N, C-alpha and C. Protein backbone atom coordinates (compact mmCIF):
# COMPACT_ATOMS: atom_id res chain seq x y z
N UNK A 1 16.40 -11.49 -2.41
CA UNK A 1 15.63 -11.63 -3.62
C UNK A 1 14.16 -11.87 -3.34
N UNK A 2 13.88 -12.48 -2.22
CA UNK A 2 12.47 -12.77 -1.90
C UNK A 2 11.65 -11.49 -1.82
N UNK A 3 12.22 -10.43 -1.25
CA UNK A 3 11.49 -9.17 -1.16
C UNK A 3 11.31 -8.53 -2.54
N UNK A 4 12.30 -8.70 -3.41
CA UNK A 4 12.20 -8.16 -4.77
C UNK A 4 11.08 -8.87 -5.53
N UNK A 5 11.04 -10.19 -5.42
CA UNK A 5 10.00 -10.96 -6.11
C UNK A 5 8.63 -10.63 -5.54
N UNK A 6 8.54 -10.53 -4.22
CA UNK A 6 7.25 -10.18 -3.60
C UNK A 6 6.79 -8.80 -4.05
N UNK A 7 7.71 -7.86 -4.13
CA UNK A 7 7.35 -6.52 -4.60
C UNK A 7 6.91 -6.53 -6.05
N UNK A 8 7.59 -7.30 -6.88
CA UNK A 8 7.21 -7.39 -8.29
C UNK A 8 5.83 -8.03 -8.43
N UNK A 9 5.56 -9.04 -7.63
CA UNK A 9 4.25 -9.70 -7.66
C UNK A 9 3.15 -8.72 -7.26
N UNK A 10 3.39 -7.93 -6.21
CA UNK A 10 2.40 -6.93 -5.79
C UNK A 10 2.16 -5.91 -6.89
N UNK A 11 3.22 -5.48 -7.55
CA UNK A 11 3.08 -4.50 -8.63
C UNK A 11 2.23 -5.07 -9.78
N UNK A 12 2.53 -6.30 -10.15
CA UNK A 12 1.79 -6.93 -11.24
C UNK A 12 0.31 -7.02 -10.89
N UNK A 13 0.00 -7.45 -9.68
CA UNK A 13 -1.39 -7.57 -9.27
C UNK A 13 -2.07 -6.20 -9.23
N UNK A 14 -1.39 -5.22 -8.66
CA UNK A 14 -1.96 -3.88 -8.56
C UNK A 14 -2.19 -3.26 -9.93
N UNK A 15 -1.27 -3.54 -10.85
CA UNK A 15 -1.38 -2.97 -12.19
C UNK A 15 -2.38 -3.73 -13.06
N UNK A 16 -2.89 -4.85 -12.56
CA UNK A 16 -3.83 -5.64 -13.35
C UNK A 16 -3.16 -6.48 -14.41
N UNK A 17 -1.88 -6.74 -14.25
CA UNK A 17 -1.14 -7.55 -15.22
C UNK A 17 -1.27 -9.03 -14.86
N UNK A 18 -1.32 -9.86 -15.88
CA UNK A 18 -1.44 -11.29 -15.67
C UNK A 18 -0.14 -11.93 -15.24
N UNK A 19 0.96 -11.28 -15.56
CA UNK A 19 2.27 -11.87 -15.29
C UNK A 19 3.23 -10.84 -14.72
N UNK A 20 4.17 -11.32 -13.92
CA UNK A 20 5.30 -10.50 -13.50
C UNK A 20 6.19 -10.36 -14.73
N UNK A 21 6.52 -9.13 -15.09
CA UNK A 21 7.41 -8.92 -16.23
C UNK A 21 8.72 -8.30 -15.76
N UNK A 22 9.62 -8.08 -16.68
CA UNK A 22 10.95 -7.57 -16.30
C UNK A 22 10.89 -6.14 -15.76
N UNK A 23 9.92 -5.35 -16.20
CA UNK A 23 9.80 -3.99 -15.66
C UNK A 23 9.34 -4.04 -14.21
N UNK A 24 8.45 -4.97 -13.86
CA UNK A 24 8.06 -5.13 -12.45
C UNK A 24 9.27 -5.50 -11.61
N UNK A 25 10.08 -6.43 -12.13
CA UNK A 25 11.28 -6.84 -11.41
C UNK A 25 12.26 -5.68 -11.25
N UNK A 26 12.47 -4.92 -12.33
CA UNK A 26 13.39 -3.78 -12.27
C UNK A 26 12.93 -2.77 -11.22
N UNK A 27 11.66 -2.43 -11.23
CA UNK A 27 11.14 -1.44 -10.29
C UNK A 27 11.34 -1.90 -8.86
N UNK A 28 10.95 -3.13 -8.57
CA UNK A 28 11.10 -3.67 -7.22
C UNK A 28 12.57 -3.77 -6.82
N UNK A 29 13.41 -4.19 -7.75
CA UNK A 29 14.84 -4.32 -7.49
C UNK A 29 15.46 -2.98 -7.13
N UNK A 30 15.16 -1.95 -7.89
CA UNK A 30 15.76 -0.64 -7.64
C UNK A 30 15.28 -0.03 -6.33
N UNK A 31 14.05 -0.35 -5.93
CA UNK A 31 13.57 0.14 -4.65
C UNK A 31 14.22 -0.59 -3.48
N UNK A 32 14.55 -1.87 -3.68
CA UNK A 32 14.98 -2.71 -2.56
C UNK A 32 16.49 -2.86 -2.42
N UNK A 33 17.25 -2.68 -3.48
CA UNK A 33 18.65 -3.08 -3.44
C UNK A 33 19.60 -1.92 -3.75
N UNK A 34 20.34 -1.45 -2.75
CA UNK A 34 21.29 -0.34 -2.97
C UNK A 34 22.39 -0.68 -3.98
N UNK A 35 22.83 -1.94 -4.02
CA UNK A 35 23.90 -2.29 -4.97
C UNK A 35 23.40 -2.21 -6.41
N UNK A 36 22.15 -2.52 -6.64
CA UNK A 36 21.58 -2.37 -7.99
C UNK A 36 21.47 -0.89 -8.35
N UNK A 37 21.06 -0.07 -7.39
CA UNK A 37 20.97 1.38 -7.65
C UNK A 37 22.35 1.96 -7.95
N UNK A 38 23.37 1.45 -7.29
CA UNK A 38 24.74 1.96 -7.49
C UNK A 38 25.27 1.69 -8.89
N UNK A 39 24.67 0.78 -9.62
CA UNK A 39 25.13 0.47 -10.97
C UNK A 39 24.78 1.57 -11.97
N UNK A 40 23.95 2.51 -11.56
CA UNK A 40 23.57 3.60 -12.45
C UNK A 40 24.50 4.78 -12.28
N UNK A 41 24.50 5.64 -13.27
CA UNK A 41 25.42 6.76 -13.33
C UNK A 41 24.92 7.92 -12.47
N UNK A 42 24.97 7.72 -11.18
CA UNK A 42 24.63 8.80 -10.27
C UNK A 42 23.15 9.01 -10.06
N UNK A 43 22.83 9.94 -9.18
CA UNK A 43 21.47 10.24 -8.77
C UNK A 43 20.52 10.67 -9.86
N UNK A 44 20.91 11.61 -10.74
CA UNK A 44 19.95 12.07 -11.75
C UNK A 44 19.47 10.95 -12.67
N UNK A 45 20.37 10.09 -13.11
CA UNK A 45 19.98 9.00 -13.99
C UNK A 45 19.03 8.04 -13.27
N UNK A 46 19.37 7.68 -12.06
CA UNK A 46 18.52 6.79 -11.28
C UNK A 46 17.16 7.43 -11.02
N UNK A 47 17.14 8.71 -10.72
CA UNK A 47 15.87 9.41 -10.49
C UNK A 47 15.00 9.38 -11.73
N UNK A 48 15.59 9.55 -12.91
CA UNK A 48 14.80 9.47 -14.15
C UNK A 48 14.23 8.08 -14.35
N UNK A 49 15.04 7.05 -14.09
CA UNK A 49 14.56 5.67 -14.24
C UNK A 49 13.42 5.40 -13.28
N UNK A 50 13.60 5.76 -12.01
CA UNK A 50 12.53 5.52 -11.03
C UNK A 50 11.28 6.33 -11.37
N UNK A 51 11.46 7.55 -11.83
CA UNK A 51 10.32 8.36 -12.24
C UNK A 51 9.56 7.73 -13.38
N UNK A 52 10.28 7.19 -14.33
CA UNK A 52 9.64 6.52 -15.46
C UNK A 52 8.89 5.27 -15.00
N UNK A 53 9.50 4.51 -14.07
CA UNK A 53 8.83 3.32 -13.55
C UNK A 53 7.56 3.68 -12.80
N UNK A 54 7.58 4.78 -12.05
CA UNK A 54 6.38 5.21 -11.36
C UNK A 54 5.31 5.59 -12.37
N UNK A 55 5.68 6.31 -13.43
CA UNK A 55 4.71 6.65 -14.47
C UNK A 55 4.10 5.38 -15.06
N UNK A 56 4.93 4.37 -15.25
CA UNK A 56 4.43 3.12 -15.80
C UNK A 56 3.40 2.51 -14.87
N UNK A 57 3.67 2.55 -13.58
CA UNK A 57 2.76 1.90 -12.63
C UNK A 57 1.47 2.68 -12.44
N UNK A 58 1.45 3.97 -12.81
CA UNK A 58 0.21 4.73 -12.65
C UNK A 58 -0.50 4.95 -13.97
N UNK A 59 -0.10 4.23 -14.99
CA UNK A 59 -0.87 4.34 -16.21
C UNK A 59 -0.10 4.20 -17.50
N UNK A 60 1.20 4.56 -17.48
CA UNK A 60 1.97 4.47 -18.71
C UNK A 60 1.96 3.05 -19.26
N UNK A 61 2.00 2.07 -18.37
CA UNK A 61 2.09 0.68 -18.78
C UNK A 61 0.78 0.09 -19.27
N UNK A 62 -0.25 0.91 -19.42
CA UNK A 62 -1.53 0.37 -19.88
C UNK A 62 -1.42 -0.31 -21.24
N UNK A 63 -0.50 0.13 -22.07
CA UNK A 63 -0.35 -0.51 -23.37
C UNK A 63 0.19 -1.93 -23.23
N UNK A 64 0.82 -2.23 -22.10
CA UNK A 64 1.34 -3.57 -21.85
C UNK A 64 0.33 -4.43 -21.11
N UNK A 65 -0.64 -3.79 -20.45
CA UNK A 65 -1.56 -4.51 -19.58
C UNK A 65 -2.29 -5.59 -20.37
N UNK A 66 -2.34 -6.76 -19.79
CA UNK A 66 -3.04 -7.87 -20.41
C UNK A 66 -2.26 -8.58 -21.48
N UNK A 67 -1.06 -8.10 -21.79
CA UNK A 67 -0.24 -8.76 -22.81
C UNK A 67 0.91 -9.50 -22.13
N UNK A 68 1.42 -10.48 -22.83
CA UNK A 68 2.53 -11.26 -22.32
C UNK A 68 3.82 -10.66 -22.85
N UNK A 69 4.75 -10.41 -21.96
CA UNK A 69 6.08 -9.94 -22.38
C UNK A 69 6.81 -11.11 -23.01
N UNK A 70 7.13 -10.98 -24.25
CA UNK A 70 7.87 -12.03 -24.94
C UNK A 70 8.86 -11.38 -25.87
N UNK A 71 10.09 -11.32 -25.45
CA UNK A 71 11.13 -10.67 -26.24
C UNK A 71 11.78 -11.62 -27.22
N UNK A 72 11.31 -12.86 -27.23
CA UNK A 72 11.93 -13.85 -28.10
C UNK A 72 12.91 -14.74 -27.37
N UNK A 73 13.28 -14.35 -26.14
CA UNK A 73 14.16 -15.20 -25.33
C UNK A 73 13.39 -16.45 -24.95
N UNK A 74 14.02 -17.58 -25.04
CA UNK A 74 13.34 -18.83 -24.72
C UNK A 74 13.89 -19.34 -23.39
N UNK A 75 13.07 -19.26 -22.33
CA UNK A 75 13.55 -19.74 -21.04
C UNK A 75 13.64 -21.25 -21.02
N UNK A 76 14.55 -21.77 -20.24
CA UNK A 76 14.67 -23.21 -20.09
C UNK A 76 13.45 -23.76 -19.36
N UNK A 77 12.87 -22.96 -18.51
CA UNK A 77 11.69 -23.36 -17.75
C UNK A 77 10.58 -22.35 -18.00
N UNK A 78 9.38 -22.75 -17.72
CA UNK A 78 8.28 -21.78 -17.72
C UNK A 78 7.74 -21.72 -16.31
N UNK A 79 7.15 -20.63 -15.97
CA UNK A 79 6.63 -20.44 -14.63
C UNK A 79 5.31 -19.71 -14.75
N UNK A 80 4.22 -20.33 -14.32
CA UNK A 80 2.93 -19.63 -14.38
C UNK A 80 3.00 -18.31 -13.63
N UNK A 81 2.45 -17.27 -14.21
CA UNK A 81 2.45 -15.96 -13.59
C UNK A 81 3.69 -15.14 -13.85
N UNK A 82 4.59 -15.65 -14.67
CA UNK A 82 5.83 -14.95 -15.01
C UNK A 82 5.94 -14.86 -16.52
N UNK A 83 6.41 -13.72 -17.02
CA UNK A 83 6.67 -13.61 -18.45
C UNK A 83 7.90 -14.46 -18.79
N UNK A 84 7.99 -14.95 -20.02
CA UNK A 84 9.19 -15.71 -20.42
C UNK A 84 10.48 -14.92 -20.20
N UNK A 85 10.46 -13.62 -20.48
CA UNK A 85 11.67 -12.80 -20.31
C UNK A 85 12.05 -12.68 -18.83
N UNK A 86 11.06 -12.60 -17.94
CA UNK A 86 11.34 -12.52 -16.51
C UNK A 86 11.95 -13.84 -16.01
N UNK A 87 11.44 -14.96 -16.50
CA UNK A 87 12.00 -16.27 -16.13
C UNK A 87 13.45 -16.35 -16.59
N UNK A 88 13.72 -15.91 -17.80
CA UNK A 88 15.08 -15.94 -18.33
C UNK A 88 16.01 -15.06 -17.49
N UNK A 89 15.54 -13.89 -17.08
CA UNK A 89 16.36 -12.99 -16.24
C UNK A 89 16.67 -13.66 -14.90
N UNK A 90 15.70 -14.32 -14.33
CA UNK A 90 15.94 -15.01 -13.05
C UNK A 90 16.91 -16.17 -13.24
N UNK A 91 16.79 -16.90 -14.35
CA UNK A 91 17.73 -17.99 -14.62
C UNK A 91 19.15 -17.46 -14.77
N UNK A 92 19.30 -16.33 -15.44
CA UNK A 92 20.61 -15.71 -15.60
C UNK A 92 21.18 -15.30 -14.24
N UNK A 93 20.34 -14.73 -13.38
CA UNK A 93 20.78 -14.33 -12.04
C UNK A 93 21.26 -15.54 -11.25
N UNK A 94 20.52 -16.64 -11.33
CA UNK A 94 20.92 -17.87 -10.64
C UNK A 94 22.25 -18.39 -11.19
N UNK A 95 22.42 -18.33 -12.49
CA UNK A 95 23.67 -18.79 -13.12
C UNK A 95 24.86 -17.96 -12.67
N UNK A 96 24.66 -16.64 -12.55
CA UNK A 96 25.75 -15.77 -12.10
C UNK A 96 26.15 -16.11 -10.66
N UNK A 97 25.16 -16.34 -9.81
CA UNK A 97 25.46 -16.70 -8.42
C UNK A 97 26.18 -18.04 -8.38
N UNK A 98 25.73 -19.01 -9.16
CA UNK A 98 26.36 -20.34 -9.18
C UNK A 98 27.79 -20.25 -9.69
N UNK A 99 28.04 -19.37 -10.66
CA UNK A 99 29.39 -19.23 -11.23
C UNK A 99 30.39 -18.74 -10.19
N UNK A 100 29.91 -17.96 -9.22
CA UNK A 100 30.84 -17.51 -8.18
C UNK A 100 30.70 -18.37 -6.92
N UNK A 101 29.98 -19.49 -7.08
CA UNK A 101 29.79 -20.48 -6.00
C UNK A 101 29.09 -19.86 -4.78
N UNK A 102 28.10 -19.07 -5.06
CA UNK A 102 27.33 -18.40 -4.02
C UNK A 102 25.90 -18.94 -4.05
N UNK A 103 25.40 -19.31 -2.92
CA UNK A 103 24.03 -19.82 -2.84
C UNK A 103 23.00 -18.70 -2.93
N UNK A 104 23.46 -17.46 -2.73
CA UNK A 104 22.54 -16.32 -2.76
C UNK A 104 22.69 -15.53 -4.04
N UNK A 105 21.56 -15.18 -4.60
CA UNK A 105 21.52 -14.29 -5.76
C UNK A 105 21.55 -12.86 -5.24
N UNK A 106 22.42 -12.05 -5.77
CA UNK A 106 22.50 -10.64 -5.39
C UNK A 106 21.66 -9.80 -6.35
N UNK A 107 21.34 -8.62 -5.92
CA UNK A 107 20.57 -7.71 -6.77
C UNK A 107 21.27 -7.41 -8.08
N UNK A 108 22.59 -7.33 -8.04
CA UNK A 108 23.33 -7.06 -9.28
C UNK A 108 23.25 -8.25 -10.24
N UNK A 109 23.08 -9.45 -9.71
CA UNK A 109 22.88 -10.62 -10.58
C UNK A 109 21.57 -10.49 -11.35
N UNK A 110 20.53 -10.11 -10.63
CA UNK A 110 19.24 -9.95 -11.30
C UNK A 110 19.28 -8.78 -12.29
N UNK A 111 19.92 -7.69 -11.90
CA UNK A 111 20.03 -6.56 -12.82
C UNK A 111 20.76 -6.98 -14.09
N UNK A 112 21.84 -7.72 -13.95
CA UNK A 112 22.56 -8.22 -15.13
C UNK A 112 21.67 -9.13 -15.96
N UNK A 113 20.86 -9.95 -15.30
CA UNK A 113 19.93 -10.81 -16.03
C UNK A 113 18.90 -10.02 -16.81
N UNK A 114 18.42 -8.95 -16.22
CA UNK A 114 17.46 -8.09 -16.92
C UNK A 114 18.10 -7.41 -18.12
N UNK A 115 19.33 -6.96 -17.94
CA UNK A 115 20.02 -6.22 -19.01
C UNK A 115 20.51 -7.13 -20.13
N UNK A 116 20.56 -8.43 -19.87
CA UNK A 116 21.07 -9.37 -20.88
C UNK A 116 20.11 -9.54 -22.06
N UNK A 117 18.87 -9.14 -21.88
CA UNK A 117 17.87 -9.26 -22.95
C UNK A 117 17.53 -7.87 -23.47
N UNK A 118 18.14 -7.44 -24.57
CA UNK A 118 17.92 -6.07 -25.04
C UNK A 118 16.50 -5.79 -25.52
N UNK A 119 15.68 -6.82 -25.65
CA UNK A 119 14.31 -6.64 -26.12
C UNK A 119 13.27 -6.69 -25.00
N UNK A 120 13.71 -6.80 -23.74
CA UNK A 120 12.74 -6.93 -22.65
C UNK A 120 12.22 -5.56 -22.23
N UNK A 121 11.13 -5.57 -21.49
CA UNK A 121 10.49 -4.33 -21.05
C UNK A 121 11.39 -3.53 -20.11
N UNK A 122 12.18 -4.20 -19.28
CA UNK A 122 13.06 -3.47 -18.37
C UNK A 122 14.05 -2.62 -19.15
N UNK A 123 14.62 -3.16 -20.21
CA UNK A 123 15.56 -2.41 -21.04
C UNK A 123 14.83 -1.29 -21.78
N UNK A 124 13.61 -1.55 -22.21
CA UNK A 124 12.81 -0.50 -22.85
C UNK A 124 12.57 0.65 -21.89
N UNK A 125 12.27 0.34 -20.65
CA UNK A 125 12.07 1.38 -19.62
C UNK A 125 13.35 2.19 -19.45
N UNK A 126 14.48 1.50 -19.33
CA UNK A 126 15.75 2.20 -19.15
C UNK A 126 16.03 3.14 -20.31
N UNK A 127 15.80 2.65 -21.53
CA UNK A 127 16.07 3.49 -22.70
C UNK A 127 15.15 4.71 -22.73
N UNK A 128 13.88 4.53 -22.41
CA UNK A 128 12.96 5.66 -22.39
C UNK A 128 13.33 6.67 -21.31
N UNK A 129 13.97 6.20 -20.26
CA UNK A 129 14.38 7.10 -19.18
C UNK A 129 15.76 7.71 -19.42
N UNK A 130 16.38 7.36 -20.53
CA UNK A 130 17.67 7.95 -20.87
C UNK A 130 18.88 7.23 -20.29
N UNK A 131 18.68 6.02 -19.80
CA UNK A 131 19.81 5.23 -19.28
C UNK A 131 20.27 4.26 -20.36
N UNK A 132 21.55 4.14 -20.52
CA UNK A 132 22.11 3.22 -21.51
C UNK A 132 22.31 1.86 -20.85
N UNK A 133 21.49 0.89 -21.24
CA UNK A 133 21.54 -0.44 -20.63
C UNK A 133 22.91 -1.08 -20.81
N UNK A 134 23.56 -0.82 -21.94
CA UNK A 134 24.90 -1.41 -22.17
C UNK A 134 25.92 -0.84 -21.19
N UNK A 135 25.83 0.44 -20.90
CA UNK A 135 26.76 1.05 -19.93
C UNK A 135 26.53 0.49 -18.54
N UNK A 136 25.28 0.35 -18.16
CA UNK A 136 24.97 -0.21 -16.83
C UNK A 136 25.49 -1.65 -16.77
N UNK A 137 25.26 -2.41 -17.83
CA UNK A 137 25.74 -3.81 -17.87
C UNK A 137 27.26 -3.86 -17.78
N UNK A 138 27.94 -2.92 -18.43
CA UNK A 138 29.40 -2.88 -18.37
C UNK A 138 29.89 -2.61 -16.96
N UNK A 139 29.16 -1.77 -16.20
CA UNK A 139 29.55 -1.50 -14.82
C UNK A 139 29.41 -2.76 -13.95
N UNK A 140 28.49 -3.63 -14.33
CA UNK A 140 28.26 -4.85 -13.55
C UNK A 140 29.26 -5.95 -13.90
N UNK A 141 29.88 -5.84 -15.07
CA UNK A 141 30.77 -6.93 -15.52
C UNK A 141 32.06 -6.95 -14.73
């Protein structure tokens, strides 16, 4: 997870965003974790999602730049430099790992955390790329 978070932080800084959001986490996660990529319906769907994320990083996300991602989810904690939705996704990932008595958070835990908030930017990205977030979440369950 450390590499996923580091990648998301680099993306946010490069994109000029004030906070790491769920789309930054999704992009970094899909690049770094094969198990998260496997949750998608084959190569074409994953390729569309990654293509959309690349478009976002080269300009599509300008409409989000400088704004705080707030899907209405209320995180138990706040973290400077993180959107509330990203904090909530990380909390969900930690809870999933704790539920199986694992000290390590897996990529699929974070993916499930991202998909748990239907109003977050990561889910918006998936929908625009033609991926059904509910189907991906069902594969993770």
